[in-house]
N, C-alpha and C. Protein backbone atom coordinates (compact mmCIF):
# COMPACT_ATOMS: atom_id res chain seq x y z
N MET A 1 155.03 -33.06 -106.84
CA MET A 1 155.45 -34.18 -106.01
C MET A 1 154.26 -35.11 -105.78
N GLN A 2 154.45 -36.39 -105.98
CA GLN A 2 153.40 -37.39 -105.79
C GLN A 2 153.24 -37.71 -104.31
N PRO A 3 151.97 -37.93 -103.86
CA PRO A 3 151.78 -38.37 -102.47
C PRO A 3 152.34 -39.78 -102.31
N PRO A 4 152.69 -40.17 -101.08
CA PRO A 4 153.26 -41.50 -100.85
C PRO A 4 152.29 -42.63 -101.18
N GLU A 5 151.00 -42.37 -101.09
CA GLU A 5 150.00 -43.38 -101.39
C GLU A 5 148.68 -42.70 -101.70
N ILE A 6 147.94 -43.27 -102.64
CA ILE A 6 146.62 -42.77 -102.98
C ILE A 6 145.61 -43.87 -102.68
N ARG A 7 144.57 -43.53 -101.93
CA ARG A 7 143.51 -44.50 -101.60
C ARG A 7 142.16 -43.97 -102.07
N GLU A 8 141.45 -44.80 -102.80
CA GLU A 8 140.10 -44.48 -103.23
C GLU A 8 139.14 -45.03 -102.18
N VAL A 9 138.25 -44.18 -101.67
CA VAL A 9 137.38 -44.56 -100.56
C VAL A 9 135.91 -44.35 -100.91
N ASP A 10 135.02 -44.97 -100.12
CA ASP A 10 133.58 -44.91 -100.36
C ASP A 10 132.85 -43.93 -99.46
N ARG A 11 133.57 -43.26 -98.58
CA ARG A 11 132.94 -42.32 -97.65
C ARG A 11 133.72 -41.01 -97.62
N PRO A 12 133.03 -39.90 -97.44
CA PRO A 12 133.72 -38.61 -97.41
C PRO A 12 134.45 -38.34 -96.09
N LYS A 13 134.22 -39.16 -95.09
CA LYS A 13 134.93 -39.04 -93.81
C LYS A 13 135.78 -40.28 -93.63
N VAL A 14 137.08 -40.08 -93.42
CA VAL A 14 138.01 -41.21 -93.29
C VAL A 14 138.90 -41.00 -92.07
N ALA A 15 139.54 -42.07 -91.64
CA ALA A 15 140.52 -42.01 -90.55
C ALA A 15 141.85 -42.51 -91.10
N CYS A 16 142.93 -41.94 -90.62
CA CYS A 16 144.26 -42.36 -91.04
C CYS A 16 145.15 -42.44 -89.81
N ASP A 17 145.93 -43.54 -89.72
CA ASP A 17 146.90 -43.67 -88.62
C ASP A 17 148.28 -44.08 -89.14
N GLY A 18 148.45 -44.03 -90.44
CA GLY A 18 149.75 -44.37 -91.03
C GLY A 18 149.95 -45.85 -91.28
N ASP A 19 149.10 -46.72 -90.71
CA ASP A 19 149.14 -48.18 -90.93
C ASP A 19 150.43 -48.87 -90.50
N ASP A 20 151.28 -48.26 -89.73
CA ASP A 20 152.53 -48.90 -89.37
C ASP A 20 152.62 -49.23 -87.89
N GLY A 21 151.50 -49.51 -87.25
CA GLY A 21 151.52 -49.85 -85.83
C GLY A 21 152.23 -48.77 -85.03
N PRO A 22 153.23 -49.14 -84.22
CA PRO A 22 153.91 -48.15 -83.39
C PRO A 22 154.73 -47.15 -84.21
N LEU A 23 155.00 -47.45 -85.48
CA LEU A 23 155.75 -46.53 -86.32
C LEU A 23 154.85 -45.59 -87.11
N GLY A 24 153.54 -45.72 -86.93
CA GLY A 24 152.58 -44.87 -87.63
C GLY A 24 152.50 -43.49 -86.99
N HIS A 25 151.31 -42.94 -87.00
CA HIS A 25 151.10 -41.62 -86.40
C HIS A 25 149.76 -41.63 -85.68
N PRO A 26 149.46 -40.62 -84.88
CA PRO A 26 148.17 -40.57 -84.18
C PRO A 26 147.02 -40.64 -85.19
N ARG A 27 145.97 -41.33 -84.82
CA ARG A 27 144.81 -41.43 -85.71
C ARG A 27 144.15 -40.06 -85.84
N VAL A 28 143.94 -39.67 -87.08
CA VAL A 28 143.25 -38.41 -87.38
C VAL A 28 142.03 -38.73 -88.23
N PHE A 29 140.98 -37.97 -88.02
CA PHE A 29 139.75 -38.12 -88.79
C PHE A 29 139.67 -36.96 -89.76
N LEU A 30 139.47 -37.28 -91.02
CA LEU A 30 139.51 -36.29 -92.09
C LEU A 30 138.16 -36.23 -92.79
N ASN A 31 137.69 -35.03 -93.07
CA ASN A 31 136.41 -34.83 -93.74
C ASN A 31 136.66 -34.12 -95.06
N MET A 32 136.30 -34.76 -96.15
CA MET A 32 136.53 -34.19 -97.48
C MET A 32 135.59 -33.04 -97.81
N GLU A 33 134.51 -32.91 -97.03
CA GLU A 33 133.48 -31.91 -97.27
C GLU A 33 133.02 -32.01 -98.72
N ASP A 34 133.05 -30.93 -99.48
CA ASP A 34 132.59 -30.96 -100.87
C ASP A 34 133.73 -31.11 -101.87
N LYS A 35 134.94 -31.31 -101.39
CA LYS A 35 136.10 -31.37 -102.27
C LYS A 35 136.26 -32.70 -102.98
N GLY A 36 135.89 -33.80 -102.31
CA GLY A 36 136.05 -35.12 -102.90
C GLY A 36 137.45 -35.70 -102.77
N GLU A 37 138.34 -35.01 -102.08
CA GLU A 37 139.69 -35.52 -101.84
C GLU A 37 140.31 -34.77 -100.67
N ILE A 38 141.30 -35.43 -100.03
CA ILE A 38 141.98 -34.80 -98.89
C ILE A 38 143.30 -35.52 -98.65
N ASP A 39 144.27 -34.81 -98.09
CA ASP A 39 145.57 -35.38 -97.74
C ASP A 39 145.68 -35.50 -96.23
N CYS A 40 146.31 -36.57 -95.76
CA CYS A 40 146.59 -36.70 -94.34
C CYS A 40 147.71 -35.72 -93.98
N PRO A 41 147.52 -34.92 -92.92
CA PRO A 41 148.55 -33.94 -92.56
C PRO A 41 149.83 -34.58 -91.98
N TYR A 42 149.76 -35.84 -91.55
CA TYR A 42 150.93 -36.50 -90.99
C TYR A 42 151.75 -37.24 -92.03
N CYS A 43 151.13 -38.14 -92.78
CA CYS A 43 151.89 -39.00 -93.68
C CYS A 43 151.73 -38.61 -95.16
N GLY A 44 150.81 -37.71 -95.47
CA GLY A 44 150.64 -37.27 -96.84
C GLY A 44 149.79 -38.18 -97.70
N ARG A 45 149.27 -39.27 -97.12
CA ARG A 45 148.41 -40.17 -97.89
C ARG A 45 147.26 -39.36 -98.48
N HIS A 46 146.95 -39.62 -99.74
CA HIS A 46 145.92 -38.88 -100.45
C HIS A 46 144.68 -39.76 -100.58
N PHE A 47 143.55 -39.27 -100.06
CA PHE A 47 142.29 -39.99 -100.13
C PHE A 47 141.42 -39.34 -101.20
N ILE A 48 140.86 -40.16 -102.08
CA ILE A 48 139.98 -39.69 -103.15
C ILE A 48 138.66 -40.42 -103.01
N LEU A 49 137.57 -39.66 -103.09
CA LEU A 49 136.23 -40.25 -103.01
C LEU A 49 135.92 -40.95 -104.33
N ARG A 50 135.50 -42.20 -104.23
CA ARG A 50 135.17 -43.01 -105.41
C ARG A 50 134.07 -42.31 -106.22
N LYS A 51 134.16 -42.36 -107.51
CA LYS A 51 133.16 -41.74 -108.39
C LYS A 51 131.77 -42.27 -108.09
N GLY A 52 130.81 -41.37 -108.07
CA GLY A 52 129.42 -41.73 -107.82
C GLY A 52 129.00 -41.64 -106.36
N VAL A 53 129.96 -41.46 -105.45
CA VAL A 53 129.66 -41.34 -104.03
C VAL A 53 129.46 -39.86 -103.72
N LYS A 54 128.37 -39.54 -103.01
CA LYS A 54 128.07 -38.15 -102.69
C LYS A 54 128.76 -37.72 -101.41
N THR A 55 129.20 -36.46 -101.36
CA THR A 55 129.90 -35.96 -100.18
C THR A 55 128.96 -35.47 -99.10
N GLY A 56 127.71 -35.19 -99.41
CA GLY A 56 126.79 -34.62 -98.43
C GLY A 56 126.00 -35.64 -97.64
N GLY A 57 126.42 -36.91 -97.63
CA GLY A 57 125.67 -37.95 -96.94
C GLY A 57 125.81 -37.91 -95.45
N THR A 58 125.27 -38.91 -94.77
CA THR A 58 125.29 -38.99 -93.31
C THR A 58 126.29 -40.02 -92.82
N HIS A 59 127.38 -40.24 -93.52
CA HIS A 59 128.37 -41.25 -93.16
C HIS A 59 129.14 -40.81 -91.97
């Protein structure tokens, strides 16, 4: 099953709120750690770390 949306990001730590204002979901902060990708537990959005970006930084 495909995720509803895939976003390529420049940081290993991201926030997701569903982007739908009052129809979204509570803001959650997600840390990819060493995996380079993570799914939002609420909306299923899939975040992928852009190639060449390191996960062990201080972002």
